[in-house]
Amino acid sequence: MFGDIMGMMGKLKETQQKIEDTKKRLDTVLIDEQSNDGLLKVTMTANRKIKSILIDDSLLEDKEQLEDYLVLVMNKAIEKASNVNEAELGAVAKEGMPNIPGLDMFK
């Protein structure tokens, strides 16, 4: 029984390292999003860090329109990045969880 616990602890530690490695890798996964007309483009990492924002000059003439564009495009980019992040980290966590009867956290 003690060996089983030690094995589980080792597996959990290994999974923790894989999660950290995956988080680092997600810093290199880029998500691109743009407005329907292409006037505003946002690039962020799968860890939701903004890398660039490109704004067409025509949007600089209308502050409210630019703000609307930013909110819409940023929200879409964040949603995509979050989906990638959760899928990647969830897969690593599920793969590394020891099989404990009655504990089905990732179904």
N, C-alpha and C. Protein backbone atom coordinates (compact mmCIF):
# COMPACT_ATOMS: atom_id res chain seq x y z
N MET A 1 0.83 -1.20 0.00
CA MET A 1 0.00 0.00 0.00
C MET A 1 0.87 1.25 0.00
N PHE A 2 1.95 1.24 0.80
CA PHE A 2 2.84 2.40 0.87
C PHE A 2 3.48 2.65 -0.50
N GLY A 3 3.80 1.55 -1.19
CA GLY A 3 4.38 1.68 -2.53
C GLY A 3 3.40 2.32 -3.49
N ASP A 4 2.12 1.98 -3.37
CA ASP A 4 1.09 2.57 -4.22
C ASP A 4 1.02 4.08 -4.02
N ILE A 5 1.08 4.48 -2.76
CA ILE A 5 1.02 5.92 -2.44
C ILE A 5 2.24 6.63 -3.01
N MET A 6 3.41 6.03 -2.88
CA MET A 6 4.63 6.63 -3.40
C MET A 6 4.57 6.71 -4.93
N GLY A 7 4.01 5.67 -5.54
CA GLY A 7 3.85 5.67 -6.99
C GLY A 7 2.93 6.78 -7.45
N MET A 8 1.82 6.95 -6.73
CA MET A 8 0.87 8.02 -7.05
C MET A 8 1.51 9.39 -6.88
N MET A 9 2.28 9.56 -5.81
CA MET A 9 2.94 10.84 -5.56
C MET A 9 3.93 11.15 -6.68
N GLY A 10 4.66 10.13 -7.11
CA GLY A 10 5.60 10.31 -8.22
C GLY A 10 4.88 10.69 -9.49
N LYS A 11 3.76 10.05 -9.75
CA LYS A 11 2.97 10.33 -10.95
C LYS A 11 2.41 11.76 -10.89
N LEU A 12 1.95 12.18 -9.72
CA LEU A 12 1.44 13.54 -9.57
C LEU A 12 2.53 14.57 -9.79
N LYS A 13 3.72 14.30 -9.30
CA LYS A 13 4.84 15.21 -9.47
C LYS A 13 5.22 15.31 -10.95
N GLU A 14 5.21 14.17 -11.61
CA GLU A 14 5.51 14.13 -13.05
C GLU A 14 4.45 14.93 -13.82
N THR A 15 3.20 14.76 -13.45
CA THR A 15 2.12 15.49 -14.11
C THR A 15 2.25 16.98 -13.88
N GLN A 16 2.63 17.37 -12.68
CA GLN A 16 2.83 18.78 -12.36
C GLN A 16 3.90 19.38 -13.27
N GLN A 17 4.97 18.65 -13.51
CA GLN A 17 6.04 19.12 -14.38
C GLN A 17 5.54 19.23 -15.83
N LYS A 18 4.75 18.25 -16.26
CA LYS A 18 4.19 18.30 -17.62
C LYS A 18 3.27 19.50 -17.78
N ILE A 19 2.51 19.82 -16.75
CA ILE A 19 1.62 20.99 -16.81
C ILE A 19 2.45 22.27 -16.94
N GLU A 20 3.51 22.37 -16.17
CA GLU A 20 4.39 23.55 -16.26
C GLU A 20 5.02 23.66 -17.64
N ASP A 21 5.46 22.53 -18.19
CA ASP A 21 6.05 22.52 -19.53
C ASP A 21 5.02 22.94 -20.57
N THR A 22 3.79 22.47 -20.40
CA THR A 22 2.72 22.83 -21.34
C THR A 22 2.41 24.32 -21.26
N LYS A 23 2.40 24.88 -20.06
CA LYS A 23 2.16 26.33 -19.91
C LYS A 23 3.24 27.13 -20.64
N LYS A 24 4.49 26.69 -20.53
CA LYS A 24 5.57 27.37 -21.24
C LYS A 24 5.38 27.27 -22.75
N ARG A 25 5.00 26.08 -23.21
CA ARG A 25 4.79 25.89 -24.65
C ARG A 25 3.63 26.75 -25.15
N LEU A 26 2.59 26.91 -24.33
CA LEU A 26 1.44 27.72 -24.74
C LEU A 26 1.80 29.19 -24.92
N ASP A 27 2.92 29.62 -24.34
CA ASP A 27 3.40 30.98 -24.57
C ASP A 27 3.86 31.17 -26.02
N THR A 28 4.12 30.07 -26.72
CA THR A 28 4.57 30.15 -28.11
C THR A 28 3.45 29.89 -29.10
N VAL A 29 2.28 29.46 -28.62
CA VAL A 29 1.14 29.20 -29.50
C VAL A 29 0.39 30.52 -29.69
N LEU A 30 0.34 30.97 -30.95
CA LEU A 30 -0.28 32.27 -31.24
C LEU A 30 -1.69 32.10 -31.77
N ILE A 31 -2.57 32.95 -31.26
CA ILE A 31 -3.97 33.00 -31.68
C ILE A 31 -4.16 34.32 -32.41
N ASP A 32 -4.64 34.26 -33.65
CA ASP A 32 -4.91 35.47 -34.43
C ASP A 32 -6.42 35.64 -34.55
N GLU A 33 -6.86 36.85 -34.34
CA GLU A 33 -8.29 37.18 -34.49
C GLU A 33 -8.37 38.54 -35.15
N GLN A 34 -9.41 38.74 -35.96
CA GLN A 34 -9.60 40.04 -36.59
C GLN A 34 -11.09 40.35 -36.74
N SER A 35 -11.37 41.62 -36.95
CA SER A 35 -12.75 42.04 -37.19
C SER A 35 -13.19 41.48 -38.54
N ASN A 36 -14.50 41.42 -38.76
CA ASN A 36 -15.02 40.86 -40.00
C ASN A 36 -14.49 41.59 -41.23
N ASP A 37 -14.26 42.88 -41.12
CA ASP A 37 -13.78 43.66 -42.27
C ASP A 37 -12.26 43.77 -42.30
N GLY A 38 -11.58 43.17 -41.33
CA GLY A 38 -10.12 43.16 -41.32
C GLY A 38 -9.47 44.45 -40.88
N LEU A 39 -10.23 45.38 -40.33
CA LEU A 39 -9.68 46.68 -39.94
C LEU A 39 -8.92 46.62 -38.61
N LEU A 40 -9.19 45.60 -37.81
CA LEU A 40 -8.49 45.46 -36.53
C LEU A 40 -8.06 44.01 -36.38
N LYS A 41 -6.79 43.80 -36.05
CA LYS A 41 -6.26 42.45 -35.89
C LYS A 41 -5.53 42.35 -34.55
N VAL A 42 -5.74 41.24 -33.87
CA VAL A 42 -5.12 41.00 -32.57
C VAL A 42 -4.43 39.64 -32.61
N THR A 43 -3.23 39.60 -32.06
CA THR A 43 -2.51 38.34 -31.88
C THR A 43 -2.18 38.20 -30.41
N MET A 44 -2.50 37.03 -29.84
CA MET A 44 -2.17 36.75 -28.44
C MET A 44 -1.72 35.32 -28.32
N THR A 45 -1.08 35.00 -27.20
CA THR A 45 -0.66 33.63 -26.95
C THR A 45 -1.83 32.85 -26.38
N ALA A 46 -1.68 31.53 -26.38
CA ALA A 46 -2.71 30.68 -25.78
C ALA A 46 -2.79 30.87 -24.27
N ASN A 47 -1.80 31.56 -23.69
CA ASN A 47 -1.86 31.92 -22.27
C ASN A 47 -2.46 33.31 -22.08
N ARG A 48 -3.08 33.82 -23.13
CA ARG A 48 -3.84 35.08 -23.11
C ARG A 48 -2.97 36.32 -22.86
N LYS A 49 -1.78 36.32 -23.42
CA LYS A 49 -0.91 37.50 -23.38
C LYS A 49 -0.93 38.13 -24.76
N ILE A 50 -1.25 39.42 -24.83
CA ILE A 50 -1.34 40.12 -26.11
C ILE A 50 0.05 40.30 -26.69
N LYS A 51 0.20 39.93 -27.96
CA LYS A 51 1.47 40.09 -28.65
C LYS A 51 1.44 41.29 -29.60
N SER A 52 0.30 41.51 -30.26
CA SER A 52 0.22 42.65 -31.16
C SER A 52 -1.24 43.04 -31.42
N ILE A 53 -1.40 44.32 -31.74
CA ILE A 53 -2.70 44.84 -32.17
C ILE A 53 -2.42 45.72 -33.38
N LEU A 54 -3.08 45.41 -34.49
CA LEU A 54 -2.94 46.21 -35.71
C LEU A 54 -4.26 46.92 -35.98
N ILE A 55 -4.20 48.24 -36.09
CA ILE A 55 -5.40 49.06 -36.27
C ILE A 55 -5.29 49.80 -37.58
N ASP A 56 -6.28 49.64 -38.44
CA ASP A 56 -6.33 50.38 -39.70
C ASP A 56 -6.52 51.87 -39.39
N ASP A 57 -5.87 52.72 -40.15
CA ASP A 57 -5.94 54.17 -39.92
C ASP A 57 -7.37 54.71 -39.92
N SER A 58 -8.25 54.09 -40.69
CA SER A 58 -9.63 54.58 -40.77
C SER A 58 -10.35 54.49 -39.42
N LEU A 59 -9.93 53.56 -38.57
CA LEU A 59 -10.57 53.43 -37.26
C LEU A 59 -10.12 54.51 -36.28
N LEU A 60 -9.04 55.19 -36.58
CA LEU A 60 -8.53 56.21 -35.68
C LEU A 60 -9.37 57.49 -35.70
N GLU A 61 -10.26 57.59 -36.66
CA GLU A 61 -11.10 58.79 -36.80
C GLU A 61 -12.32 58.75 -35.89
N ASP A 62 -12.69 57.57 -35.41
CA ASP A 62 -13.91 57.44 -34.61
C ASP A 62 -13.58 56.62 -33.34
N LYS A 63 -13.42 57.33 -32.23
CA LYS A 63 -13.03 56.70 -30.96
C LYS A 63 -14.00 55.61 -30.53
N GLU A 64 -15.29 55.88 -30.59
CA GLU A 64 -16.29 54.90 -30.15
C GLU A 64 -16.25 53.64 -31.01
N GLN A 65 -16.11 53.83 -32.31
CA GLN A 65 -16.04 52.68 -33.21
C GLN A 65 -14.81 51.84 -32.89
N LEU A 66 -13.68 52.49 -32.67
CA LEU A 66 -12.45 51.78 -32.33
C LEU A 66 -12.61 51.00 -31.03
N GLU A 67 -13.22 51.63 -30.05
CA GLU A 67 -13.46 50.95 -28.77
C GLU A 67 -14.33 49.71 -28.96
N ASP A 68 -15.38 49.84 -29.77
CA ASP A 68 -16.26 48.71 -30.05
C ASP A 68 -15.50 47.57 -30.73
N TYR A 69 -14.70 47.93 -31.72
CA TYR A 69 -13.89 46.94 -32.43
C TYR A 69 -12.96 46.21 -31.45
N LEU A 70 -12.29 46.99 -30.61
CA LEU A 70 -11.36 46.39 -29.65
C LEU A 70 -12.06 45.40 -28.72
N VAL A 71 -13.20 45.79 -28.19
CA VAL A 71 -13.93 44.91 -27.28
C VAL A 71 -14.32 43.61 -27.99
N LEU A 72 -14.90 43.72 -29.18
CA LEU A 72 -15.36 42.53 -29.90
C LEU A 72 -14.21 41.60 -30.28
N VAL A 73 -13.17 42.17 -30.88
CA VAL A 73 -12.07 41.34 -31.35
C VAL A 73 -11.27 40.76 -30.18
N MET A 74 -11.05 41.55 -29.15
CA MET A 74 -10.31 41.05 -27.98
C MET A 74 -11.09 39.91 -27.31
N ASN A 75 -12.39 40.07 -27.16
CA ASN A 75 -13.19 39.01 -26.54
C ASN A 75 -13.14 37.71 -27.35
N LYS A 76 -13.21 37.82 -28.69
CA LYS A 76 -13.13 36.63 -29.53
C LYS A 76 -11.76 35.97 -29.40
N ALA A 77 -10.70 36.78 -29.37
CA ALA A 77 -9.34 36.24 -29.25
C ALA A 77 -9.14 35.57 -27.89
N ILE A 78 -9.64 36.20 -26.84
CA ILE A 78 -9.52 35.62 -25.49
C ILE A 78 -10.28 34.30 -25.41
N GLU A 79 -11.45 34.24 -26.01
CA GLU A 79 -12.24 33.00 -26.00
C GLU A 79 -11.49 31.87 -26.72
N LYS A 80 -10.93 32.17 -27.89
CA LYS A 80 -10.17 31.16 -28.62
C LYS A 80 -8.95 30.71 -27.82
N ALA A 81 -8.22 31.67 -27.27
CA ALA A 81 -7.02 31.35 -26.49
C ALA A 81 -7.38 30.50 -25.27
N SER A 82 -8.47 30.85 -24.61
CA SER A 82 -8.91 30.10 -23.43
C SER A 82 -9.28 28.66 -23.80
N ASN A 83 -9.94 28.49 -24.94
CA ASN A 83 -10.31 27.14 -25.37
C ASN A 83 -9.07 26.28 -25.63
N VAL A 84 -8.07 26.85 -26.30
CA VAL A 84 -6.83 26.12 -26.56
C VAL A 84 -6.14 25.81 -25.24
N ASN A 85 -6.04 26.80 -24.37
CA ASN A 85 -5.37 26.64 -23.08
C ASN A 85 -6.02 25.53 -22.25
N GLU A 86 -7.33 25.60 -22.13
CA GLU A 86 -8.05 24.61 -21.31
C GLU A 86 -7.95 23.21 -21.89
N ALA A 87 -8.02 23.10 -23.22
CA ALA A 87 -7.94 21.78 -23.85
C ALA A 87 -6.55 21.17 -23.63
N GLU A 88 -5.52 21.97 -23.83
CA GLU A 88 -4.15 21.46 -23.68
C GLU A 88 -3.85 21.08 -22.22
N LEU A 89 -4.15 21.97 -21.30
CA LEU A 89 -3.85 21.69 -19.89
C LEU A 89 -4.74 20.58 -19.35
N GLY A 90 -5.99 20.54 -19.80
CA GLY A 90 -6.90 19.48 -19.36
C GLY A 90 -6.44 18.12 -19.81
N ALA A 91 -5.92 18.04 -21.05
CA ALA A 91 -5.43 16.76 -21.57
C ALA A 91 -4.24 16.27 -20.77
N VAL A 92 -3.33 17.18 -20.44
CA VAL A 92 -2.14 16.79 -19.66
C VAL A 92 -2.55 16.35 -18.25
N ALA A 93 -3.46 17.10 -17.64
CA ALA A 93 -3.89 16.77 -16.27
C ALA A 93 -4.62 15.42 -16.25
N LYS A 94 -5.49 15.20 -17.22
CA LYS A 94 -6.25 13.96 -17.26
C LYS A 94 -5.33 12.76 -17.47
N GLU A 95 -4.35 12.93 -18.37
CA GLU A 95 -3.41 11.86 -18.67
C GLU A 95 -2.58 11.47 -17.45
N GLY A 96 -2.27 12.46 -16.61
CA GLY A 96 -1.38 12.20 -15.49
C GLY A 96 -2.05 11.85 -14.19
N MET A 97 -3.36 11.88 -14.14
CA MET A 97 -4.04 11.58 -12.89
C MET A 97 -3.99 10.09 -12.59
N PRO A 98 -3.65 9.74 -11.37
CA PRO A 98 -3.67 8.32 -11.00
C PRO A 98 -5.11 7.82 -11.00
N ASN A 99 -5.27 6.54 -11.24
CA ASN A 99 -6.60 5.95 -11.28
C ASN A 99 -7.07 5.67 -9.85
N ILE A 100 -7.87 6.58 -9.32
CA ILE A 100 -8.41 6.43 -7.98
C ILE A 100 -9.89 6.14 -8.11
N PRO A 101 -10.32 4.95 -7.70
CA PRO A 101 -11.73 4.58 -7.84
C PRO A 101 -12.67 5.62 -7.19
N GLY A 102 -13.72 5.96 -7.93
CA GLY A 102 -14.71 6.90 -7.42
C GLY A 102 -14.33 8.36 -7.61
N LEU A 103 -13.14 8.62 -8.13
CA LEU A 103 -12.70 10.00 -8.33
C LEU A 103 -12.57 10.26 -9.82
N ASP A 104 -13.69 10.58 -10.44
CA ASP A 104 -13.74 10.82 -11.89
C ASP A 104 -13.85 12.32 -12.13
N MET A 105 -12.74 13.03 -11.93
CA MET A 105 -12.75 14.49 -12.04
C MET A 105 -12.82 14.98 -13.48
N PHE A 106 -12.32 14.22 -14.43
CA PHE A 106 -12.18 14.72 -15.80
C PHE A 106 -13.02 13.91 -16.78
N LYS A 107 -14.29 13.77 -16.51
CA LYS A 107 -15.16 13.06 -17.45
C LYS A 107 -15.85 14.04 -18.34
